[in-house]
Every structure is written in C-alpha cells, then in structure tokens.
Amino acid sequence: MEKLTIQEEEAMQVIWQSGGGFIKDFLDLLNEPKPPYTTLASTVKNLERKGFLEAIKVANSYRYNPIIAEADYKKRFMNGFVSDYFQNSYKELVTFFAKEKKISANELQDIINLIENNKK
C-alpha cells in the first residue's frame, strides 16, 4: 500500500467519512480553503490509480467508492511511522509523548487498562 500525500489523505478522510460519492460531494465536505474542483478530481484519480478507490460510471460522471478501509490504512501507516521514527518500539512512542507532556497519567492508565482487559 502506497503512502498518501497530505492532499490525498485529506481527500480519503472525506471519502471514508461519506462512504463514497461524487467529486462534488467530497468537495462539499472538505474544510476551507477548498481546493478547486479540478485539483480534487486529479487527487481522486491518483487515489484510484493507487488502488484506494474504485470508479463506477453513473450517467456522465463517476461515483468513487473506497476499496481500502480506513482502519487498514491507519494500521499500515502507524506501523511504518513507529518503525521509521521509534525503532519499531511502541514503548518509545509512548515515552516520547509522555516526555513531551502530550499524554497524561490518566490517559496512560486508560491505555494500561485496555491492555490488561485485552489479555483476558
């Protein structure tokens, strides 16, 4: 699975949120400042080429549906991120956020509880 550009990720977020649709639908859901229609159309075509979307012809237009689930992309992205920046150690990732004060003791305890409950 190819890594997406920031522009492609923003488009995919909207496509996942909507469950698919037409370029105009996606444009309506994007935050300001919205890209021009043609820019979004090019981005969507790139996503189709990369295998993230399928295009179904409807009259004179195309409806785009996600092929890759959001959870699958997040999992692949996070595994690569942790590997590239934290020596493939989730402990290093959590330690980084703790040192940067981006995660609280309560949030860490919630994570510990999740881990312990999943062991059962």
PDB file of N, CA and C in Angstrom:
ATOM      1  N   MET A   1       0.860  -1.186   0.000  1.00  0.00           N
ATOM      2  CA  MET A   1       0.000   0.000   0.000  1.00  0.00           C
ATOM      3  C   MET A   1       0.897   1.237   0.000  1.00  0.00           C
ATOM      4  N   GLU A   2       0.654   2.097  -0.952  1.00  0.00           N
ATOM      5  CA  GLU A   2       1.450   3.308  -1.114  1.00  0.00           C
ATOM      6  C   GLU A   2       1.076   4.353  -0.066  1.00  0.00           C
ATOM      7  N   LYS A   3       2.088   5.095   0.413  1.00  0.00           N
ATOM      8  CA  LYS A   3       1.848   6.197   1.335  1.00  0.00           C
ATOM      9  C   LYS A   3       1.144   7.317   0.587  1.00  0.00           C
ATOM     10  N   LEU A   4       0.196   7.945   1.236  1.00  0.00           N
ATOM     11  CA  LEU A   4      -0.554   9.034   0.609  1.00  0.00           C
ATOM     12  C   LEU A   4       0.073  10.382   0.927  1.00  0.00           C
ATOM     13  N   THR A   5      -0.090  11.319   0.006  1.00  0.00           N
ATOM     14  CA  THR A   5       0.313  12.696   0.269  1.00  0.00           C
ATOM     15  C   THR A   5      -0.695  13.313   1.229  1.00  0.00           C
ATOM     16  N   ILE A   6      -0.375  14.465   1.766  1.00  0.00           N
ATOM     17  CA  ILE A   6      -1.296  15.158   2.681  1.00  0.00           C
ATOM     18  C   ILE A   6      -2.617  15.445   1.969  1.00  0.00           C
ATOM     19  N   GLN A   7      -2.533  15.909   0.740  1.00  0.00           N
ATOM     20  CA  GLN A   7      -3.731  16.217  -0.049  1.00  0.00           C
ATOM     21  C   GLN A   7      -4.568  14.953  -0.275  1.00  0.00           C
ATOM     22  N   GLU A   8      -3.911  13.846  -0.568  1.00  0.00           N
ATOM     23  CA  GLU A   8      -4.624  12.583  -0.778  1.00  0.00           C
ATOM     24  C   GLU A   8      -5.258  12.085   0.521  1.00  0.00           C
ATOM     25  N   GLU A   9      -4.535  12.234   1.628  1.00  0.00           N
ATOM     26  CA  GLU A   9      -5.099  11.818   2.918  1.00  0.00           C
ATOM     27  C   GLU A   9      -6.338  12.635   3.271  1.00  0.00           C
ATOM     28  N   GLU A  10      -6.292  13.934   3.035  1.00  0.00           N
ATOM     29  CA  GLU A  10      -7.460  14.780   3.307  1.00  0.00           C
ATOM     30  C   GLU A  10      -8.657  14.333   2.470  1.00  0.00           C
ATOM     31  N   ALA A  11      -8.410  14.029   1.212  1.00  0.00           N
ATOM     32  CA  ALA A  11      -9.487  13.555   0.338  1.00  0.00           C
ATOM     33  C   ALA A  11     -10.010  12.210   0.835  1.00  0.00           C
ATOM     34  N   MET A  12      -9.108  11.305   1.192  1.00  0.00           N
ATOM     35  CA  MET A  12      -9.545   9.988   1.664  1.00  0.00           C
ATOM     36  C   MET A  12     -10.342  10.094   2.961  1.00  0.00           C
ATOM     37  N   GLN A  13      -9.976  11.006   3.834  1.00  0.00           N
ATOM     38  CA  GLN A  13     -10.739  11.183   5.083  1.00  0.00           C
ATOM     39  C   GLN A  13     -12.199  11.507   4.761  1.00  0.00           C
ATOM     40  N   VAL A  14     -12.401  12.401   3.806  1.00  0.00           N
ATOM     41  CA  VAL A  14     -13.752  12.789   3.399  1.00  0.00           C
ATOM     42  C   VAL A  14     -14.464  11.619   2.716  1.00  0.00           C
ATOM     43  N   ILE A  15     -13.740  10.890   1.901  1.00  0.00           N
ATOM     44  CA  ILE A  15     -14.334   9.750   1.190  1.00  0.00           C
ATOM     45  C   ILE A  15     -14.727   8.657   2.187  1.00  0.00           C
ATOM     46  N   TRP A  16     -13.854   8.370   3.145  1.00  0.00           N
ATOM     47  CA  TRP A  16     -14.200   7.388   4.177  1.00  0.00           C
ATOM     48  C   TRP A  16     -15.399   7.863   4.991  1.00  0.00           C
ATOM     49  N   GLN A  17     -15.401   9.135   5.348  1.00  0.00           N
ATOM     50  CA  GLN A  17     -16.500   9.716   6.138  1.00  0.00           C
ATOM     51  C   GLN A  17     -17.831   9.582   5.402  1.00  0.00           C
ATOM     52  N   SER A  18     -17.816   9.807   4.102  1.00  0.00           N
ATOM     53  CA  SER A  18     -19.056   9.782   3.329  1.00  0.00           C
ATOM     54  C   SER A  18     -19.415   8.377   2.831  1.00  0.00           C
ATOM     55  N   GLY A  19     -18.437   7.471   2.858  1.00  0.00           N
ATOM     56  CA  GLY A  19     -18.682   6.128   2.354  1.00  0.00           C
ATOM     57  C   GLY A  19     -18.630   6.040   0.836  1.00  0.00           C
ATOM     58  N   GLY A  20     -18.210   7.111   0.186  1.00  0.00           N
ATOM     59  CA  GLY A  20     -18.137   7.159  -1.268  1.00  0.00           C
ATOM     60  C   GLY A  20     -19.092   8.190  -1.831  1.00  0.00           C
ATOM     61  N   GLY A  21     -18.907   8.526  -3.090  1.00  0.00           N
ATOM     62  CA  GLY A  21     -19.776   9.508  -3.730  1.00  0.00           C
ATOM     63  C   GLY A  21     -19.110  10.115  -4.951  1.00  0.00           C
ATOM     64  N   PHE A  22     -19.582  11.282  -5.297  1.00  0.00           N
ATOM     65  CA  PHE A  22     -19.089  12.008  -6.466  1.00  0.00           C
ATOM     66  C   PHE A  22     -18.136  13.114  -6.012  1.00  0.00           C
ATOM     67  N   ILE A  23     -17.308  13.589  -6.909  1.00  0.00           N
ATOM     68  CA  ILE A  23     -16.318  14.607  -6.560  1.00  0.00           C
ATOM     69  C   ILE A  23     -16.983  15.820  -5.924  1.00  0.00           C
ATOM     70  N   LYS A  24     -18.122  16.242  -6.435  1.00  0.00           N
ATOM     71  CA  LYS A  24     -18.828  17.393  -5.858  1.00  0.00           C
ATOM     72  C   LYS A  24     -19.203  17.125  -4.400  1.00  0.00           C
ATOM     73  N   ASP A  25     -19.617  15.897  -4.096  1.00  0.00           N
ATOM     74  CA  ASP A  25     -19.946  15.537  -2.702  1.00  0.00           C
ATOM     75  C   ASP A  25     -18.724  15.708  -1.805  1.00  0.00           C
ATOM     76  N   PHE A  26     -17.587  15.236  -2.287  1.00  0.00           N
ATOM     77  CA  PHE A  26     -16.364  15.323  -1.491  1.00  0.00           C
ATOM     78  C   PHE A  26     -15.940  16.774  -1.309  1.00  0.00           C
ATOM     79  N   LEU A  27     -16.083  17.565  -2.355  1.00  0.00           N
ATOM     80  CA  LEU A  27     -15.723  18.976  -2.294  1.00  0.00           C
ATOM     81  C   LEU A  27     -16.563  19.694  -1.244  1.00  0.00           C
ATOM     82  N   ASP A  28     -17.846  19.367  -1.178  1.00  0.00           N
ATOM     83  CA  ASP A  28     -18.736  19.981  -0.190  1.00  0.00           C
ATOM     84  C   ASP A  28     -18.323  19.663   1.245  1.00  0.00           C
ATOM     85  N   LEU A  29     -17.719  18.492   1.454  1.00  0.00           N
ATOM     86  CA  LEU A  29     -17.346  18.061   2.800  1.00  0.00           C
ATOM     87  C   LEU A  29     -15.975  18.553   3.251  1.00  0.00           C
ATOM     88  N   LEU A  30     -15.150  19.007   2.309  1.00  0.00           N
ATOM     89  CA  LEU A  30     -13.809  19.474   2.666  1.00  0.00           C
ATOM     90  C   LEU A  30     -13.865  20.800   3.414  1.00  0.00           C
ATOM     91  N   ASN A  31     -12.906  20.982   4.310  1.00  0.00           N
ATOM     92  CA  ASN A  31     -12.800  22.237   5.062  1.00  0.00           C
ATOM     93  C   ASN A  31     -12.241  23.344   4.174  1.00  0.00           C
ATOM     94  N   GLU A  32     -12.523  24.571   4.564  1.00  0.00           N
ATOM     95  CA  GLU A  32     -11.968  25.736   3.873  1.00  0.00           C
ATOM     96  C   GLU A  32     -10.481  25.833   4.185  1.00  0.00           C
ATOM     97  N   PRO A  33      -9.657  26.290   3.328  1.00  0.00           N
ATOM     98  CA  PRO A  33      -9.973  26.644   1.951  1.00  0.00           C
ATOM     99  C   PRO A  33     -10.067  25.380   1.085  1.00  0.00           C
ATOM    100  N   LYS A  34     -11.144  25.283   0.341  1.00  0.00           N
ATOM    101  CA  LYS A  34     -11.389  24.125  -0.509  1.00  0.00           C
ATOM    102  C   LYS A  34     -10.521  24.222  -1.765  1.00  0.00           C
ATOM    103  N   PRO A  35     -10.023  23.073  -2.213  1.00  0.00           N
ATOM    104  CA  PRO A  35      -9.252  23.110  -3.464  1.00  0.00           C
ATOM    105  C   PRO A  35     -10.195  23.318  -4.653  1.00  0.00           C
ATOM    106  N   PRO A  36      -9.669  23.742  -5.789  1.00  0.00           N
ATOM    107  CA  PRO A  36     -10.514  23.817  -6.980  1.00  0.00           C
ATOM    108  C   PRO A  36     -11.019  22.413  -7.345  1.00  0.00           C
ATOM    109  N   TYR A  37     -12.163  22.364  -7.992  1.00  0.00           N
ATOM    110  CA  TYR A  37     -12.774  21.097  -8.397  1.00  0.00           C
ATOM    111  C   TYR A  37     -11.779  20.236  -9.177  1.00  0.00           C
ATOM    112  N   THR A  38     -11.065  20.865 -10.110  1.00  0.00           N
ATOM    113  CA  THR A  38     -10.147  20.098 -10.964  1.00  0.00           C
ATOM    114  C   THR A  38      -8.984  19.504 -10.160  1.00  0.00           C
ATOM    115  N   THR A  39      -8.533  20.214  -9.138  1.00  0.00           N
ATOM    116  CA  THR A  39      -7.465  19.705  -8.281  1.00  0.00           C
ATOM    117  C   THR A  39      -7.941  18.482  -7.519  1.00  0.00           C
ATOM    118  N   LEU A  40      -9.154  18.578  -6.959  1.00  0.00           N
ATOM    119  CA  LEU A  40      -9.712  17.440  -6.233  1.00  0.00           C
ATOM    120  C   LEU A  40      -9.936  16.269  -7.184  1.00  0.00           C
ATOM    121  N   ALA A  41     -10.402  16.545  -8.389  1.00  0.00           N
ATOM    122  CA  ALA A  41     -10.619  15.479  -9.381  1.00  0.00           C
ATOM    123  C   ALA A  41      -9.302  14.770  -9.693  1.00  0.00           C
ATOM    124  N   SER A  42      -8.218  15.514  -9.826  1.00  0.00           N
ATOM    125  CA  SER A  42      -6.904  14.910 -10.076  1.00  0.00           C
ATOM    126  C   SER A  42      -6.454  14.065  -8.888  1.00  0.00           C
ATOM    127  N   THR A  43      -6.684  14.565  -7.693  1.00  0.00           N
ATOM    128  CA  THR A  43      -6.326  13.832  -6.477  1.00  0.00           C
ATOM    129  C   THR A  43      -7.096  12.513  -6.402  1.00  0.00           C
ATOM    130  N   VAL A  44      -8.393  12.577  -6.697  1.00  0.00           N
ATOM    131  CA  VAL A  44      -9.234  11.371  -6.666  1.00  0.00           C
ATOM    132  C   VAL A  44      -8.765  10.377  -7.721  1.00  0.00           C
ATOM    133  N   LYS A  45      -8.398  10.860  -8.899  1.00  0.00           N
ATOM    134  CA  LYS A  45      -7.869   9.975  -9.951  1.00  0.00           C
ATOM    135  C   LYS A  45      -6.583   9.289  -9.491  1.00  0.00           C
ATOM    136  N   ASN A  46      -5.717  10.044  -8.803  1.00  0.00           N
ATOM    137  CA  ASN A  46      -4.486   9.453  -8.267  1.00  0.00           C
ATOM    138  C   ASN A  46      -4.813   8.373  -7.236  1.00  0.00           C
ATOM    139  N   LEU A  47      -5.817   8.619  -6.403  1.00  0.00           N
ATOM    140  CA  LEU A  47      -6.229   7.625  -5.404  1.00  0.00           C
ATOM    141  C   LEU A  47      -6.767   6.361  -6.072  1.00  0.00           C
ATOM    142  N   GLU A  48      -7.467   6.554  -7.178  1.00  0.00           N
ATOM    143  CA  GLU A  48      -7.957   5.401  -7.933  1.00  0.00           C
ATOM    144  C   GLU A  48      -6.767   4.627  -8.523  1.00  0.00           C
ATOM    145  N   ARG A  49      -5.820   5.347  -9.089  1.00  0.00           N
ATOM    146  CA  ARG A  49      -4.639   4.725  -9.688  1.00  0.00           C
ATOM    147  C   ARG A  49      -3.830   3.952  -8.639  1.00  0.00           C
ATOM    148  N   LYS A  50      -3.762   4.496  -7.415  1.00  0.00           N
ATOM    149  CA  LYS A  50      -3.017   3.848  -6.338  1.00  0.00           C
ATOM    150  C   LYS A  50      -3.770   2.671  -5.724  1.00  0.00           C
ATOM    151  N   GLY A  51      -5.034   2.479  -6.131  1.00  0.00           N
ATOM    152  CA  GLY A  51      -5.790   1.337  -5.637  1.00  0.00           C
ATOM    153  C   GLY A  51      -6.596   1.590  -4.372  1.00  0.00           C
ATOM    154  N   PHE A  52      -6.787   2.854  -4.020  1.00  0.00           N
ATOM    155  CA  PHE A  52      -7.570   3.186  -2.829  1.00  0.00           C
ATOM    156  C   PHE A  52      -9.062   3.318  -3.140  1.00  0.00           C
ATOM    157  N   LEU A  53      -9.382   3.611  -4.402  1.00  0.00           N
ATOM    158  CA  LEU A  53     -10.764   3.853  -4.811  1.00  0.00           C
ATOM    159  C   LEU A  53     -11.113   3.039  -6.048  1.00  0.00           C
ATOM    160  N   GLU A  54     -12.408   2.782  -6.191  1.00  0.00           N
ATOM    161  CA  GLU A  54     -12.910   2.243  -7.451  1.00  0.00           C
ATOM    162  C   GLU A  54     -13.862   3.279  -8.029  1.00  0.00           C
ATOM    163  N   ALA A  55     -13.872   3.365  -9.350  1.00  0.00           N
ATOM    164  CA  ALA A  55     -14.733   4.314 -10.045  1.00  0.00           C
ATOM    165  C   ALA A  55     -15.843   3.543 -10.756  1.00  0.00           C
ATOM    166  N   ILE A  56     -17.073   3.958 -10.518  1.00  0.00           N
ATOM    167  CA  ILE A  56     -18.232   3.338 -11.166  1.00  0.00           C
ATOM    168  C   ILE A  56     -18.916   4.408 -11.998  1.00  0.00           C
ATOM    169  N   LYS A  57     -19.041   4.155 -13.300  1.00  0.00           N
ATOM    170  CA  LYS A  57     -19.654   5.145 -14.194  1.00  0.00           C
ATOM    171  C   LYS A  57     -21.158   5.200 -13.930  1.00  0.00           C
ATOM    172  N   VAL A  58     -21.646   6.414 -13.680  1.00  0.00           N
ATOM    173  CA  VAL A  58     -23.067   6.681 -13.469  1.00  0.00           C
ATOM    174  C   VAL A  58     -23.421   7.847 -14.384  1.00  0.00           C
ATOM    175  N   ALA A  59     -24.181   7.554 -15.435  1.00  0.00           N
ATOM    176  CA  ALA A  59     -24.533   8.563 -16.455  1.00  0.00           C
ATOM    177  C   ALA A  59     -23.244   9.161 -17.021  1.00  0.00           C
ATOM    178  N   ASN A  60     -23.077  10.485 -16.897  1.00  0.00           N
ATOM    179  CA  ASN A  60     -21.891  11.149 -17.447  1.00  0.00           C
ATOM    180  C   ASN A  60     -20.807  11.395 -16.406  1.00  0.00           C
ATOM    181  N   SER A  61     -20.908  10.752 -15.265  1.00  0.00           N
ATOM    182  CA  SER A  61     -19.978  11.013 -14.180  1.00  0.00           C
ATOM    183  C   SER A  61     -19.494   9.701 -13.580  1.00  0.00           C
ATOM    184  N   TYR A  62     -18.627   9.806 -12.592  1.00  0.00           N
ATOM    185  CA  TYR A  62     -18.135   8.626 -11.883  1.00  0.00           C
ATOM    186  C   TYR A  62     -18.413   8.769 -10.398  1.00  0.00           C
ATOM    187  N   ARG A  63     -18.849   7.662  -9.821  1.00  0.00           N
ATOM    188  CA  ARG A  63     -19.013   7.578  -8.366  1.00  0.00           C
ATOM    189  C   ARG A  63     -17.799   6.814  -7.847  1.00  0.00           C
ATOM    190  N   TYR A  64     -17.166   7.343  -6.827  1.00  0.00           N
ATOM    191  CA  TYR A  64     -15.958   6.741  -6.272  1.00  0.00           C
ATOM    192  C   TYR A  64     -16.268   6.117  -4.913  1.00  0.00           C
ATOM    193  N   ASN A  65     -15.825   4.871  -4.766  1.00  0.00           N
ATOM    194  CA  ASN A  65     -16.020   4.143  -3.514  1.00  0.00           C
ATOM    195  C   ASN A  65     -14.664   3.709  -2.971  1.00  0.00           C
ATOM    196  N   PRO A  66     -14.484   3.784  -1.649  1.00  0.00           N
ATOM    197  CA  PRO A  66     -13.208   3.350  -1.082  1.00  0.00           C
ATOM    198  C   PRO A  66     -13.050   1.828  -1.195  1.00  0.00           C
ATOM    199  N   ILE A  67     -11.854   1.405  -1.544  1.00  0.00           N
ATOM    200  CA  ILE A  67     -11.523  -0.018  -1.585  1.00  0.00           C
ATOM    201  C   ILE A  67     -10.761  -0.388  -0.312  1.00  0.00           C
ATOM    202  N   ILE A  68      -9.900   0.515   0.134  1.00  0.00           N
ATOM    203  CA  ILE A  68      -9.097   0.313   1.337  1.00  0.00           C
ATOM    204  C   ILE A  68      -9.856   0.892   2.520  1.00  0.00           C
ATOM    205  N   ALA A  69     -10.035   0.090   3.561  1.00  0.00           N
ATOM    206  CA  ALA A  69     -10.718   0.560   4.776  1.00  0.00           C
ATOM    207  C   ALA A  69      -9.816   1.529   5.536  1.00  0.00           C
ATOM    208  N   GLU A  70     -10.433   2.494   6.177  1.00  0.00           N
ATOM    209  CA  GLU A  70      -9.683   3.492   6.944  1.00  0.00           C
ATOM    210  C   GLU A  70      -8.822   2.819   8.014  1.00  0.00           C
ATOM    211  N   ALA A  71      -9.375   1.837   8.712  1.00  0.00           N
ATOM    212  CA  ALA A  71      -8.634   1.146   9.775  1.00  0.00           C
ATOM    213  C   ALA A  71      -7.400   0.442   9.217  1.00  0.00           C
ATOM    214  N   ASP A  72      -7.514  -0.145   8.032  1.00  0.00           N
ATOM    215  CA  ASP A  72      -6.370  -0.821   7.411  1.00  0.00           C
ATOM    216  C   ASP A  72      -5.264   0.174   7.065  1.00  0.00           C
ATOM    217  N   TYR A  73      -5.659   1.332   6.544  1.00  0.00           N
ATOM    218  CA  TYR A  73      -4.663   2.350   6.215  1.00  0.00           C
ATOM    219  C   TYR A  73      -3.983   2.864   7.480  1.00  0.00           C
ATOM    220  N   LYS A  74      -4.770   3.147   8.516  1.00  0.00           N
ATOM    221  CA  LYS A  74      -4.196   3.645   9.773  1.00  0.00           C
ATOM    222  C   LYS A  74      -3.205   2.642  10.352  1.00  0.00           C
ATOM    223  N   LYS A  75      -3.578   1.366  10.329  1.00  0.00           N
ATOM    224  CA  LYS A  75      -2.708   0.328  10.864  1.00  0.00           C
ATOM    225  C   LYS A  75      -1.384   0.300  10.104  1.00  0.00           C
ATOM    226  N   ARG A  76      -1.459   0.317   8.781  1.00  0.00           N
ATOM    227  CA  ARG A  76      -0.245   0.279   7.957  1.00  0.00           C
ATOM    228  C   ARG A  76       0.583   1.540   8.177  1.00  0.00           C
ATOM    229  N   PHE A  77      -0.088   2.702   8.224  1.00  0.00           N
ATOM    230  CA  PHE A  77       0.616   3.967   8.410  1.00  0.00           C
ATOM    231  C   PHE A  77       1.308   4.003   9.769  1.00  0.00           C
ATOM    232  N   MET A  78       0.600   3.603  10.811  1.00  0.00           N
ATOM    233  CA  MET A  78       1.171   3.652  12.165  1.00  0.00           C
ATOM    234  C   MET A  78       2.332   2.679  12.305  1.00  0.00           C
ATOM    235  N   ASN A  79       2.212   1.491  11.720  1.00  0.00           N
ATOM    236  CA  ASN A  79       3.326   0.540  11.786  1.00  0.00           C
ATOM    237  C   ASN A  79       4.571   1.130  11.134  1.00  0.00           C
ATOM    238  N   GLY A  80       4.409   1.776   9.986  1.00  0.00           N
ATOM    239  CA  GLY A  80       5.533   2.417   9.310  1.00  0.00           C
ATOM    240  C   GLY A  80       6.088   3.585  10.107  1.00  0.00           C
ATOM    241  N   PHE A  81       5.211   4.362  10.687  1.00  0.00           N
ATOM    242  CA  PHE A  81       5.608   5.522  11.487  1.00  0.00           C
ATOM    243  C   PHE A  81       6.428   5.085  12.691  1.00  0.00           C
ATOM    244  N   VAL A  82       5.939   4.084  13.409  1.00  0.00           N
ATOM    245  CA  VAL A  82       6.643   3.595  14.594  1.00  0.00           C
ATOM    246  C   VAL A  82       7.983   2.985  14.193  1.00  0.00           C
ATOM    247  N   SER A  83       7.999   2.277  13.092  1.00  0.00           N
ATOM    248  CA  SER A  83       9.236   1.670  12.599  1.00  0.00           C
ATOM    249  C   SER A  83      10.254   2.747  12.208  1.00  0.00           C
ATOM    250  N   ASP A  84       9.805   3.756  11.473  1.00  0.00           N
ATOM    251  CA  ASP A  84      10.701   4.798  10.963  1.00  0.00           C
ATOM    252  C   ASP A  84      11.225   5.744  12.042  1.00  0.00           C
ATOM    253  N   TYR A  85      10.386   6.074  13.019  1.00  0.00           N
ATOM    254  CA  TYR A  85      10.748   7.118  13.979  1.00  0.00           C
ATOM    255  C   TYR A  85      11.009   6.635  15.400  1.00  0.00           C
ATOM    256  N   PHE A  86      10.597   5.419  15.733  1.00  0.00           N
ATOM    257  CA  PHE A  86      10.719   4.949  17.114  1.00  0.00           C
ATOM    258  C   PHE A  86      11.330   3.550  17.207  1.00  0.00           C
ATOM    259  N   GLN A  87      12.224   3.227  16.278  1.00  0.00           N
ATOM    260  CA  GLN A  87      12.933   1.947  16.273  1.00  0.00           C
ATOM    261  C   GLN A  87      11.987   0.754  16.446  1.00  0.00           C
ATOM    262  N   ASN A  88      10.810   0.862  15.853  1.00  0.00           N
ATOM    263  CA  ASN A  88       9.797  -0.200  15.891  1.00  0.00           C
ATOM    264  C   ASN A  88       9.337  -0.521  17.311  1.00  0.00           C
ATOM    265  N   SER A  89       9.390   0.479  18.199  1.00  0.00           N
ATOM    266  CA  SER A  89       9.027   0.281  19.600  1.00  0.00           C
ATOM    267  C   SER A  89       7.867   1.211  19.979  1.00  0.00           C
ATOM    268  N   TYR A  90       6.743   0.604  20.313  1.00  0.00           N
ATOM    269  CA  TYR A  90       5.603   1.399  20.777  1.00  0.00           C
ATOM    270  C   TYR A  90       5.889   1.999  22.147  1.00  0.00           C
ATOM    271  N   LYS A  91       6.736   1.339  22.908  1.00  0.00           N
ATOM    272  CA  LYS A  91       7.154   1.894  24.198  1.00  0.00           C
ATOM    273  C   LYS A  91       7.869   3.222  23.976  1.00  0.00           C
ATOM    274  N   GLU A  92       8.759   3.265  22.967  1.00  0.00           N
ATOM    275  CA  GLU A  92       9.460   4.512  22.640  1.00  0.00           C
ATOM    276  C   GLU A  92       8.469   5.597  22.214  1.00  0.00           C
ATOM    277  N   LEU A  93       7.442   5.215  21.472  1.00  0.00           N
ATOM    278  CA  LEU A  93       6.410   6.155  21.034  1.00  0.00           C
ATOM    279  C   LEU A  93       5.694   6.761  22.242  1.00  0.00           C
ATOM    280  N   VAL A  94       5.252   5.916  23.150  1.00  0.00           N
ATOM    281  CA  VAL A  94       4.533   6.399  24.335  1.00  0.00           C
ATOM    282  C   VAL A  94       5.463   7.226  25.216  1.00  0.00           C
ATOM    283  N   THR A  95       6.709   6.795  25.352  1.00  0.00           N
ATOM    284  CA  THR A  95       7.690   7.541  26.143  1.00  0.00           C
ATOM    285  C   THR A  95       7.893   8.940  25.571  1.00  0.00           C
ATOM    286  N   PHE A  96       7.982   9.025  24.249  1.00  0.00           N
ATOM    287  CA  PHE A  96       8.128  10.321  23.595  1.00  0.00           C
ATOM    288  C   PHE A  96       6.977  11.254  23.964  1.00  0.00           C
ATOM    289  N   PHE A  97       5.738  10.749  23.858  1.00  0.00           N
ATOM    290  CA  PHE A  97       4.581  11.588  24.160  1.00  0.00           C
ATOM    291  C   PHE A  97       4.515  11.936  25.644  1.00  0.00           C
ATOM    292  N   ALA A  98       4.943  11.030  26.498  1.00  0.00           N
ATOM    293  CA  ALA A  98       4.960  11.326  27.938  1.00  0.00           C
ATOM    294  C   ALA A  98       5.972  12.427  28.239  1.00  0.00           C
ATOM    295  N   LYS A  99       7.167  12.331  27.649  1.00  0.00           N
ATOM    296  CA  LYS A  99       8.195  13.353  27.880  1.00  0.00           C
ATOM    297  C   LYS A  99       7.780  14.709  27.338  1.00  0.00           C
ATOM    298  N   GLU A 100       7.060  14.709  26.240  1.00  0.00           N
ATOM    299  CA  GLU A 100       6.594  15.954  25.629  1.00  0.00           C
ATOM    300  C   GLU A 100       5.318  16.486  26.287  1.00  0.00           C
ATOM    301  N   LYS A 101       4.856  15.769  27.306  1.00  0.00           N
ATOM    302  CA  LYS A 101       3.632  16.126  28.040  1.00  0.00           C
ATOM    303  C   LYS A 101       2.417  16.206  27.128  1.00  0.00           C
ATOM    304  N   LYS A 102       2.364  15.282  26.164  1.00  0.00           N
ATOM    305  CA  LYS A 102       1.240  15.197  25.228  1.00  0.00           C
ATOM    306  C   LYS A 102       0.248  14.120  25.660  1.00  0.00           C
ATOM    307  N   ILE A 103       0.605  13.393  26.740  1.00  0.00           N
ATOM    308  CA  ILE A 103      -0.269  12.343  27.247  1.00  0.00           C
ATOM    309  C   ILE A 103      -0.232  12.424  28.777  1.00  0.00           C
ATOM    310  N   SER A 104      -1.394  12.332  29.388  1.00  0.00           N
ATOM    311  CA  SER A 104      -1.481  12.473  30.838  1.00  0.00           C
ATOM    312  C   SER A 104      -1.368  11.115  31.530  1.00  0.00           C
ATOM    313  N   ALA A 105      -1.160  11.152  32.839  1.00  0.00           N
ATOM    314  CA  ALA A 105      -1.105   9.921  33.635  1.00  0.00           C
ATOM    315  C   ALA A 105      -2.432   9.170  33.541  1.00  0.00           C
ATOM    316  N   ASN A 106      -3.546   9.913  33.528  1.00  0.00           N
ATOM    317  CA  ASN A 106      -4.857   9.263  33.401  1.00  0.00           C
ATOM    318  C   ASN A 106      -5.000   8.557  32.055  1.00  0.00           C
ATOM    319  N   GLU A 107      -4.522   9.198  30.996  1.00  0.00           N
ATOM    320  CA  GLU A 107      -4.585   8.566  29.673  1.00  0.00           C
ATOM    321  C   GLU A 107      -3.706   7.327  29.620  1.00  0.00           C
ATOM    322  N   LEU A 108      -2.527   7.408  30.246  1.00  0.00           N
ATOM    323  CA  LEU A 108      -1.655   6.230  30.308  1.00  0.00           C
ATOM    324  C   LEU A 108      -2.326   5.096  31.080  1.00  0.00           C
ATOM    325  N   GLN A 109      -2.992   5.442  32.158  1.00  0.00           N
ATOM    326  CA  GLN A 109      -3.698   4.418  32.935  1.00  0.00           C
ATOM    327  C   GLN A 109      -4.813   3.792  32.100  1.00  0.00           C
ATOM    328  N   ASP A 110      -5.509   4.603  31.318  1.00  0.00           N
ATOM    329  CA  ASP A 110      -6.539   4.069  30.419  1.00  0.00           C
ATOM    330  C   ASP A 110      -5.938   3.078  29.424  1.00  0.00           C
ATOM    331  N   ILE A 111      -4.756   3.416  28.914  1.00  0.00           N
ATOM    332  CA  ILE A 111      -4.074   2.514  27.974  1.00  0.00           C
ATOM    333  C   ILE A 111      -3.698   1.212  28.670  1.00  0.00           C
ATOM    334  N   ILE A 112      -3.170   1.314  29.887  1.00  0.00           N
ATOM    335  CA  ILE A 112      -2.813   0.113  30.658  1.00  0.00           C
ATOM    336  C   ILE A 112      -4.050  -0.754  30.887  1.00  0.00           C
ATOM    337  N   ASN A 113      -5.160  -0.125  31.236  1.00  0.00           N
ATOM    338  CA  ASN A 113      -6.407  -0.870  31.449  1.00  0.00           C
ATOM    339  C   ASN A 113      -6.856  -1.578  30.163  1.00  0.00           C
ATOM    340  N   LEU A 114      -6.741  -0.893  29.031  1.00  0.00           N
ATOM    341  CA  LEU A 114      -7.091  -1.520  27.746  1.00  0.00           C
ATOM    342  C   LEU A 114      -6.225  -2.747  27.486  1.00  0.00           C
ATOM    343  N   ILE A 115      -4.929  -2.605  27.737  1.00  0.00           N
ATOM    344  CA  ILE A 115      -4.004  -3.721  27.503  1.00  0.00           C
ATOM    345  C   ILE A 115      -4.348  -4.885  28.431  1.00  0.00           C
ATOM    346  N   GLU A 116      -4.571  -4.585  29.702  1.00  0.00           N
ATOM    347  CA  GLU A 116      -4.872  -5.652  30.665  1.00  0.00           C
ATOM    348  C   GLU A 116      -6.194  -6.329  30.364  1.00  0.00           C
ATOM    349  N   ASN A 117      -7.196  -5.554  29.941  1.00  0.00           N
ATOM    350  CA  ASN A 117      -8.513  -6.141  29.625  1.00  0.00           C
ATOM    351  C   ASN A 117      -8.475  -6.983  28.357  1.00  0.00           C
ATOM    352  N   ASN A 118      -7.587  -6.649  27.425  1.00  0.00           N
ATOM    353  CA  ASN A 118      -7.474  -7.438  26.188  1.00  0.00           C
ATOM    354  C   ASN A 118      -6.727  -8.737  26.405  1.00  0.00           C
ATOM    355  N   LYS A 119      -6.004  -8.867  27.522  1.00  0.00           N
ATOM    356  CA  LYS A 119      -5.303 -10.115  27.818  1.00  0.00           C
ATOM    357  C   LYS A 119      -6.263 -11.219  28.238  1.00  0.00           C
ATOM    358  N   LYS A 120      -7.406 -10.817  28.765  1.00  0.00           N
ATOM    359  CA  LYS A 120      -8.364 -11.793  29.307  1.00  0.00           C
ATOM    360  C   LYS A 120      -9.074 -12.554  28.234  1.00  0.00           C
TER     361      LYS A 120
END
